[in-house]
N, C-alpha and C. Protein backbone atom coordinates (compact mmCIF):
# COMPACT_ATOMS: atom_id res chain seq x y z
N MET A 1 33.21 -19.38 -27.86
CA MET A 1 34.08 -18.53 -26.94
C MET A 1 33.85 -17.03 -27.06
N LYS A 2 33.65 -16.74 -28.37
CA LYS A 2 33.55 -15.38 -28.54
C LYS A 2 32.19 -14.83 -27.88
N LYS A 3 31.18 -15.61 -28.10
CA LYS A 3 29.80 -15.28 -27.30
C LYS A 3 30.08 -15.12 -25.82
N THR A 4 30.88 -16.00 -25.25
CA THR A 4 31.05 -15.96 -23.78
C THR A 4 31.72 -14.75 -23.35
N VAL A 5 32.73 -14.27 -24.12
CA VAL A 5 33.57 -13.00 -23.96
C VAL A 5 32.47 -11.78 -23.91
N ILE A 6 31.67 -11.95 -25.02
CA ILE A 6 30.78 -10.82 -25.21
C ILE A 6 29.76 -10.74 -24.16
N VAL A 7 29.15 -11.82 -23.57
CA VAL A 7 28.22 -11.93 -22.59
C VAL A 7 28.98 -11.34 -21.28
N LEU A 8 30.27 -12.00 -20.86
CA LEU A 8 30.95 -11.54 -19.64
C LEU A 8 31.15 -9.99 -19.83
N LEU A 9 31.61 -9.41 -20.88
CA LEU A 9 31.87 -8.01 -21.10
C LEU A 9 30.46 -7.19 -20.89
N PHE A 10 29.44 -7.74 -21.32
CA PHE A 10 28.14 -7.10 -21.08
C PHE A 10 27.70 -6.97 -19.69
N LEU A 11 28.04 -8.24 -19.03
CA LEU A 11 27.68 -8.34 -17.58
C LEU A 11 28.44 -7.44 -16.77
N LEU A 12 29.70 -7.18 -17.12
CA LEU A 12 30.66 -6.49 -16.37
C LEU A 12 30.22 -5.00 -16.54
N LEU A 13 29.88 -4.61 -17.65
CA LEU A 13 29.37 -3.24 -17.99
C LEU A 13 28.11 -2.84 -17.08
N GLN A 14 27.28 -3.99 -17.25
CA GLN A 14 25.98 -3.75 -16.50
C GLN A 14 26.14 -3.54 -15.01
N HIS A 15 27.13 -4.41 -14.54
CA HIS A 15 27.39 -4.36 -13.09
C HIS A 15 27.99 -3.02 -12.62
N GLY A 16 28.85 -2.60 -13.47
CA GLY A 16 29.45 -1.05 -13.31
C GLY A 16 28.55 -0.10 -13.35
N TYR A 17 27.52 -0.20 -14.22
CA TYR A 17 26.55 0.91 -14.43
C TYR A 17 25.40 0.89 -13.31
N ALA A 18 25.14 -0.25 -12.88
CA ALA A 18 24.20 -0.46 -11.55
C ALA A 18 24.87 0.05 -10.45
N GLN A 19 26.23 -0.06 -10.09
CA GLN A 19 26.86 0.38 -9.12
C GLN A 19 26.98 1.77 -9.14
N GLU A 20 27.13 2.46 -10.32
CA GLU A 20 27.19 4.01 -10.50
C GLU A 20 25.88 4.41 -10.15
N GLN A 21 24.73 3.92 -10.65
CA GLN A 21 23.38 4.22 -10.50
C GLN A 21 23.00 4.09 -8.97
N SER A 22 23.41 3.25 -8.30
CA SER A 22 23.06 2.84 -6.90
C SER A 22 23.48 3.95 -6.02
N GLU A 23 24.53 4.67 -6.39
CA GLU A 23 25.02 5.81 -5.62
C GLU A 23 24.03 6.88 -5.58
N GLU A 24 23.22 7.09 -6.66
CA GLU A 24 22.09 8.13 -6.88
C GLU A 24 20.90 7.77 -6.27
N ILE A 25 20.89 6.49 -5.70
CA ILE A 25 19.44 5.83 -5.19
C ILE A 25 19.43 5.95 -3.64
N ALA A 26 18.43 6.47 -3.07
CA ALA A 26 18.39 6.34 -1.66
C ALA A 26 17.51 5.18 -1.39
N VAL A 27 17.84 4.28 -0.52
CA VAL A 27 17.16 3.05 -0.24
C VAL A 27 16.74 3.04 1.28
N LEU A 28 15.45 2.91 1.61
CA LEU A 28 14.95 2.64 2.82
C LEU A 28 15.60 1.32 3.49
N LYS A 29 16.29 1.69 4.59
CA LYS A 29 17.03 0.42 5.36
C LYS A 29 16.12 -0.03 6.54
N ARG A 30 15.46 0.90 7.25
CA ARG A 30 14.53 0.53 8.18
C ARG A 30 13.38 1.48 8.30
N GLY A 31 12.36 1.01 8.53
CA GLY A 31 11.11 1.80 8.88
C GLY A 31 9.95 1.75 7.92
N PRO A 32 8.85 2.17 8.07
CA PRO A 32 8.67 3.14 9.22
C PRO A 32 8.33 2.21 10.60
N LEU A 33 9.03 2.81 11.56
CA LEU A 33 8.79 2.06 12.94
C LEU A 33 8.18 3.01 13.79
N SER A 34 7.15 2.59 14.51
CA SER A 34 6.35 3.44 15.49
C SER A 34 7.28 3.64 16.82
N ARG A 35 7.36 4.91 17.22
CA ARG A 35 8.21 5.09 18.44
C ARG A 35 7.52 6.34 19.15
N ARG A 36 8.27 6.60 20.27
CA ARG A 36 7.85 7.78 21.13
C ARG A 36 9.21 8.60 21.39
N GLY A 37 8.99 9.87 21.27
CA GLY A 37 10.21 10.75 21.56
C GLY A 37 11.12 10.95 20.47
N ILE A 38 10.82 12.09 19.77
CA ILE A 38 11.74 12.41 18.71
C ILE A 38 13.24 12.88 19.01
N PRO A 39 14.12 11.96 18.75
CA PRO A 39 15.42 12.22 19.33
C PRO A 39 16.26 13.55 18.77
N VAL A 40 15.76 14.29 17.85
CA VAL A 40 16.27 15.53 17.42
C VAL A 40 15.68 16.58 17.89
N LEU A 41 14.82 16.45 19.05
CA LEU A 41 14.28 17.53 19.86
C LEU A 41 14.69 17.37 21.19
N GLN A 42 14.46 18.35 22.11
CA GLN A 42 14.76 18.22 23.41
C GLN A 42 13.84 17.13 24.04
N ALA A 43 13.98 16.60 25.21
CA ALA A 43 13.25 15.77 25.89
C ALA A 43 11.72 15.73 25.46
N ASN A 44 11.19 14.66 25.16
CA ASN A 44 9.77 14.69 24.63
C ASN A 44 9.24 13.26 24.49
N ILE A 45 7.98 13.19 24.42
CA ILE A 45 7.43 11.81 24.11
C ILE A 45 6.54 11.85 22.93
N ILE A 46 6.78 12.62 22.09
CA ILE A 46 5.94 12.84 20.80
C ILE A 46 5.89 11.44 20.06
N PRO A 47 4.86 10.88 19.65
CA PRO A 47 4.61 9.69 18.94
C PRO A 47 5.11 10.11 17.40
N HIS A 48 5.85 9.22 16.82
CA HIS A 48 6.29 9.48 15.61
C HIS A 48 6.56 8.08 14.75
N PHE A 49 6.78 8.10 13.44
CA PHE A 49 7.41 6.98 12.82
C PHE A 49 8.78 7.39 12.34
N TYR A 50 9.55 6.34 12.46
CA TYR A 50 11.22 6.61 12.14
C TYR A 50 11.45 5.73 10.89
N GLY A 51 12.29 6.35 10.13
CA GLY A 51 12.89 5.69 8.95
C GLY A 51 14.34 6.07 8.83
N GLU A 52 15.03 4.99 8.19
CA GLU A 52 16.50 5.19 8.20
C GLU A 52 16.77 4.98 6.74
N TYR A 53 17.51 5.85 6.00
CA TYR A 53 17.76 5.82 4.47
C TYR A 53 19.28 5.69 4.44
N GLU A 54 19.63 4.87 3.37
CA GLU A 54 21.14 4.89 3.00
C GLU A 54 21.32 5.47 1.57
N TYR A 55 22.19 6.73 1.44
CA TYR A 55 22.20 7.45 0.46
C TYR A 55 23.64 8.14 0.22
N ARG A 56 24.19 7.64 -0.83
CA ARG A 56 25.53 8.05 -1.12
C ARG A 56 26.47 7.88 -0.02
N GLY A 57 26.36 6.78 0.64
CA GLY A 57 27.31 6.29 1.61
C GLY A 57 26.94 6.83 3.06
N PHE A 58 25.85 7.56 3.16
CA PHE A 58 25.42 8.23 4.32
C PHE A 58 24.29 7.60 4.92
N THR A 59 24.13 7.72 6.26
CA THR A 59 22.79 7.08 6.85
C THR A 59 22.00 8.39 7.20
N LEU A 60 20.81 8.46 6.82
CA LEU A 60 19.94 9.57 7.06
C LEU A 60 18.73 9.25 7.61
N TYR A 61 18.11 10.12 8.61
CA TYR A 61 17.05 9.58 9.57
C TYR A 61 15.91 10.57 9.21
N VAL A 62 14.80 9.97 9.22
CA VAL A 62 13.41 10.62 9.04
C VAL A 62 12.57 10.40 10.09
N TYR A 63 11.86 11.34 10.61
CA TYR A 63 10.79 11.29 11.71
C TYR A 63 9.60 11.90 11.21
N TYR A 64 8.64 11.20 11.26
CA TYR A 64 7.24 11.60 10.62
C TYR A 64 6.34 11.66 12.01
N THR A 65 5.56 12.76 12.08
CA THR A 65 4.63 12.73 13.20
C THR A 65 3.25 13.67 12.63
N THR A 66 2.24 13.26 13.27
CA THR A 66 0.97 14.09 13.01
C THR A 66 0.61 14.95 14.20
N GLU A 67 1.47 15.17 15.09
CA GLU A 67 1.37 15.88 16.32
C GLU A 67 1.73 17.37 15.84
N LYS A 68 1.00 18.33 16.44
CA LYS A 68 1.29 19.82 16.03
C LYS A 68 2.59 20.16 16.71
N ILE A 69 3.48 20.61 15.75
CA ILE A 69 4.77 21.22 16.27
C ILE A 69 5.03 22.59 15.68
N VAL A 70 5.45 23.56 16.51
CA VAL A 70 5.61 24.89 16.06
C VAL A 70 7.11 25.03 16.05
N PRO A 71 7.67 25.52 14.94
CA PRO A 71 9.13 25.67 14.86
C PRO A 71 9.63 26.77 15.98
N LEU A 72 10.82 26.51 16.40
CA LEU A 72 11.27 27.40 17.54
C LEU A 72 11.96 28.49 16.92
N SER A 73 11.91 29.67 17.67
CA SER A 73 12.60 30.94 17.20
C SER A 73 14.06 30.73 16.79
N GLU A 74 14.80 29.70 17.29
CA GLU A 74 16.17 29.69 16.99
C GLU A 74 16.33 28.99 15.63
N TRP A 75 15.37 28.18 15.23
CA TRP A 75 15.32 27.49 13.87
C TRP A 75 15.29 28.49 12.80
N GLU A 76 16.31 28.24 11.91
CA GLU A 76 16.35 29.03 10.67
C GLU A 76 15.62 28.58 9.46
N LYS A 77 14.78 29.76 8.92
CA LYS A 77 13.93 29.28 7.90
C LYS A 77 14.91 29.29 6.60
N SER A 78 14.51 28.29 6.03
CA SER A 78 15.34 28.08 4.52
C SER A 78 14.46 27.46 3.46
N GLU A 79 14.87 27.35 2.33
CA GLU A 79 14.04 26.83 1.30
C GLU A 79 14.86 25.72 0.63
N CYS A 80 14.16 24.84 0.05
CA CYS A 80 14.76 23.64 -0.73
C CYS A 80 13.86 23.39 -1.95
N ASN A 81 14.17 24.06 -3.00
CA ASN A 81 13.52 24.14 -4.23
C ASN A 81 12.12 24.66 -3.59
N SER A 82 11.16 23.94 -3.77
CA SER A 82 9.70 24.35 -3.59
C SER A 82 9.21 24.30 -2.01
N TYR A 83 10.14 23.71 -1.20
CA TYR A 83 9.83 23.27 0.13
C TYR A 83 10.21 24.49 1.02
N GLU A 84 9.46 24.79 2.03
CA GLU A 84 10.01 25.75 3.06
C GLU A 84 10.31 24.82 4.24
N LEU A 85 11.54 25.12 4.71
CA LEU A 85 11.97 24.35 5.80
C LEU A 85 12.61 25.15 7.00
N TRP A 86 12.65 24.59 8.10
CA TRP A 86 13.35 25.27 9.19
C TRP A 86 14.53 24.39 9.66
N GLY A 87 15.87 24.81 9.66
CA GLY A 87 16.87 24.06 9.91
C GLY A 87 17.40 24.57 11.24
N TYR A 88 18.23 23.46 11.86
CA TYR A 88 18.99 23.89 13.07
C TYR A 88 20.00 22.55 13.22
N TYR A 89 20.88 23.01 14.16
CA TYR A 89 22.00 21.91 14.41
C TYR A 89 21.70 21.31 15.79
N PHE A 90 21.73 20.05 15.83
CA PHE A 90 21.37 19.28 17.01
C PHE A 90 22.59 18.32 17.35
N SER A 91 23.06 18.45 18.56
CA SER A 91 24.29 17.53 19.14
C SER A 91 24.10 16.97 20.46
N HIS A 92 22.87 16.70 20.83
CA HIS A 92 22.48 16.11 22.02
C HIS A 92 23.04 14.69 22.09
N ILE A 93 22.54 13.85 21.16
CA ILE A 93 23.13 12.48 21.12
C ILE A 93 24.27 12.32 20.21
N GLU A 94 24.10 12.82 19.02
CA GLU A 94 25.19 12.75 18.06
C GLU A 94 25.00 14.10 17.12
N GLU A 95 26.06 14.61 16.64
CA GLU A 95 25.94 15.90 15.70
C GLU A 95 25.11 15.48 14.43
N ARG A 96 24.18 16.26 14.29
CA ARG A 96 23.29 16.16 13.15
C ARG A 96 22.68 17.47 12.64
N GLU A 97 22.64 17.78 11.34
CA GLU A 97 22.15 18.75 10.84
C GLU A 97 20.59 18.38 10.54
N VAL A 98 19.51 19.18 10.98
CA VAL A 98 18.25 18.82 11.00
C VAL A 98 17.40 19.72 10.31
N PHE A 99 16.48 19.44 9.41
CA PHE A 99 15.49 20.26 8.80
C PHE A 99 14.07 19.59 9.05
N PHE A 100 13.27 20.79 9.35
CA PHE A 100 11.87 20.42 9.71
C PHE A 100 10.93 20.93 8.62
N TYR A 101 9.94 20.11 8.33
CA TYR A 101 9.08 20.36 7.24
C TYR A 101 7.64 20.17 7.82
N THR A 102 6.79 21.17 7.63
CA THR A 102 5.39 20.95 8.09
C THR A 102 4.41 21.03 7.02
N SER A 103 3.56 19.95 6.73
CA SER A 103 2.73 20.11 5.39
C SER A 103 1.40 20.70 5.61
N ASP A 104 0.80 21.01 4.67
CA ASP A 104 -0.50 21.83 4.84
C ASP A 104 -1.51 20.80 5.07
N ARG A 105 -1.34 19.52 5.40
CA ARG A 105 -2.30 18.43 5.48
C ARG A 105 -2.20 17.89 7.01
N GLY A 106 -1.29 18.63 7.96
CA GLY A 106 -1.36 18.18 9.35
C GLY A 106 -0.37 17.15 9.71
N TRP A 107 0.63 16.84 8.87
CA TRP A 107 1.88 16.01 9.21
C TRP A 107 3.09 16.88 9.10
N ASN A 108 4.13 16.39 9.79
CA ASN A 108 5.48 16.88 9.89
C ASN A 108 6.52 15.96 9.78
N VAL A 109 7.64 16.45 9.19
CA VAL A 109 8.80 15.49 9.10
C VAL A 109 10.07 16.25 9.60
N PHE A 110 10.82 15.53 10.28
CA PHE A 110 12.22 16.11 10.57
C PHE A 110 13.16 15.13 9.72
N LEU A 111 13.98 15.77 9.11
CA LEU A 111 15.02 15.01 8.41
C LEU A 111 16.47 15.32 8.86
N SER A 112 17.18 14.20 9.32
CA SER A 112 18.45 14.41 9.88
C SER A 112 19.68 13.92 9.29
N PHE A 113 20.67 14.77 8.97
CA PHE A 113 21.77 14.45 8.18
C PHE A 113 23.03 14.59 8.98
N PRO A 114 24.12 13.74 8.61
CA PRO A 114 25.40 13.93 9.27
C PRO A 114 25.82 15.43 8.71
N PRO A 115 26.81 15.97 9.54
CA PRO A 115 27.26 17.37 9.33
C PRO A 115 28.05 17.50 8.11
N ASP A 116 28.51 16.37 7.62
CA ASP A 116 29.45 16.45 6.35
C ASP A 116 28.63 16.00 5.11
N PHE A 117 27.33 15.87 5.33
CA PHE A 117 26.48 15.58 4.15
C PHE A 117 26.13 16.92 3.51
N LYS A 118 26.38 17.00 2.37
CA LYS A 118 26.14 18.36 1.49
C LYS A 118 24.74 18.34 0.62
N ASP A 119 24.31 17.24 0.30
CA ASP A 119 23.17 17.10 -0.61
C ASP A 119 21.70 16.99 0.02
N TYR A 120 21.65 17.66 1.11
CA TYR A 120 20.49 17.61 1.85
C TYR A 120 19.15 18.01 1.11
N CYS A 121 19.32 19.01 0.29
CA CYS A 121 18.23 19.57 -0.52
C CYS A 121 17.93 18.39 -1.63
N VAL A 122 18.77 17.81 -2.28
CA VAL A 122 18.49 16.67 -3.28
C VAL A 122 17.61 15.63 -2.58
N PHE A 123 18.17 15.30 -1.55
CA PHE A 123 17.50 14.12 -0.84
C PHE A 123 15.99 14.65 -0.36
N THR A 124 15.97 15.80 0.23
CA THR A 124 14.58 16.21 0.87
C THR A 124 13.68 16.59 -0.28
N GLN A 125 14.12 17.08 -1.40
CA GLN A 125 13.09 17.07 -2.54
C GLN A 125 12.60 15.69 -2.94
N LYS A 126 13.48 14.89 -3.20
CA LYS A 126 12.90 13.45 -3.60
C LYS A 126 12.05 12.93 -2.57
N PHE A 127 12.49 13.05 -1.37
CA PHE A 127 11.77 12.45 -0.36
C PHE A 127 10.31 13.03 -0.19
N LEU A 128 10.29 14.28 -0.03
CA LEU A 128 9.02 14.98 0.35
C LEU A 128 8.06 14.76 -1.06
N ASP A 129 8.64 14.84 -2.24
CA ASP A 129 7.79 14.78 -3.38
C ASP A 129 7.11 13.37 -3.36
N ARG A 130 7.93 12.27 -3.14
CA ARG A 130 7.25 10.96 -3.12
C ARG A 130 6.42 10.68 -1.90
N LEU A 131 6.86 11.22 -0.71
CA LEU A 131 6.07 11.14 0.44
C LEU A 131 4.56 11.65 0.19
N ARG A 132 4.58 12.89 -0.20
CA ARG A 132 3.44 13.66 -0.48
C ARG A 132 2.55 12.81 -1.48
N TYR A 133 3.03 12.31 -2.52
CA TYR A 133 2.26 11.55 -3.62
C TYR A 133 1.84 10.38 -2.88
N PHE A 134 2.55 9.46 -2.22
CA PHE A 134 1.98 8.31 -1.59
C PHE A 134 1.00 8.61 -0.57
N ILE A 135 1.07 9.71 0.29
CA ILE A 135 0.02 9.97 1.22
C ILE A 135 -1.35 10.35 0.39
N SER A 136 -1.02 11.02 -0.60
CA SER A 136 -2.35 11.39 -1.40
C SER A 136 -2.97 10.27 -2.06
N ILE A 137 -2.47 9.06 -2.15
CA ILE A 137 -3.13 7.90 -2.88
C ILE A 137 -3.30 6.79 -1.84
N THR A 138 -2.85 6.81 -0.60
CA THR A 138 -2.98 5.87 0.32
C THR A 138 -4.35 6.03 1.02
N ARG A 139 -5.11 4.87 1.21
CA ARG A 139 -6.30 4.97 1.94
C ARG A 139 -6.10 4.76 3.53
N ASP A 140 -5.10 3.79 3.83
CA ASP A 140 -4.74 3.66 5.24
C ASP A 140 -3.81 4.64 5.74
N GLN A 141 -4.19 5.71 6.49
CA GLN A 141 -3.48 6.77 7.04
C GLN A 141 -2.88 6.51 8.40
N SER A 142 -2.87 5.16 8.91
CA SER A 142 -2.24 4.82 10.15
C SER A 142 -0.88 4.71 10.30
N GLN A 143 -0.25 4.54 9.12
CA GLN A 143 1.06 4.58 9.11
C GLN A 143 1.61 5.19 7.95
N PRO A 144 2.61 6.12 7.98
CA PRO A 144 3.05 6.85 6.70
C PRO A 144 3.81 5.87 5.67
N PRO A 145 3.42 6.24 4.39
CA PRO A 145 4.02 5.35 3.36
C PRO A 145 5.33 5.90 2.95
N PHE A 146 6.34 5.63 3.53
CA PHE A 146 7.87 6.00 3.41
C PHE A 146 8.18 5.27 2.06
N PRO A 147 8.69 6.10 1.15
CA PRO A 147 9.18 5.36 -0.22
C PRO A 147 10.28 4.47 0.08
N ALA A 148 10.24 3.25 -0.59
CA ALA A 148 11.28 2.29 -0.24
C ALA A 148 12.49 2.73 -1.08
N ILE A 149 12.33 3.34 -2.18
CA ILE A 149 13.48 3.91 -3.09
C ILE A 149 13.19 5.07 -3.58
N LEU A 150 14.32 5.96 -3.43
CA LEU A 150 14.13 7.34 -3.97
C LEU A 150 15.15 7.72 -5.10
């Protein structure tokens, strides 16, 4: 009986710890899916890969493309740790805070967040660090290696 109680207590503690840790983990729910037309830009047919992450109870969207994109003058330059981003607010389909990153290797990422999501820099840093690493070790460049877990 005593062993059963100890095992149950251990399992309950583990479950609580796992739930607490899962709040800090971003999980890829969909993607990468090949699509045309990046929805956080004005009307376009830009080919891209789409991904959807669940993080801290929010749904975050990622759009990856190798097409050349020049930041528009109304986009505001900002920094997120070591990454230079351009940010803007987009409300054509739904209200989203959008950040654009262009790599030195010819690919670009749009990261789209709900307006009440405040930790965009934490997610962006984790996502870009992992994506850059996976791209550097991936032989098949036909599809971006979106990290499954951040």
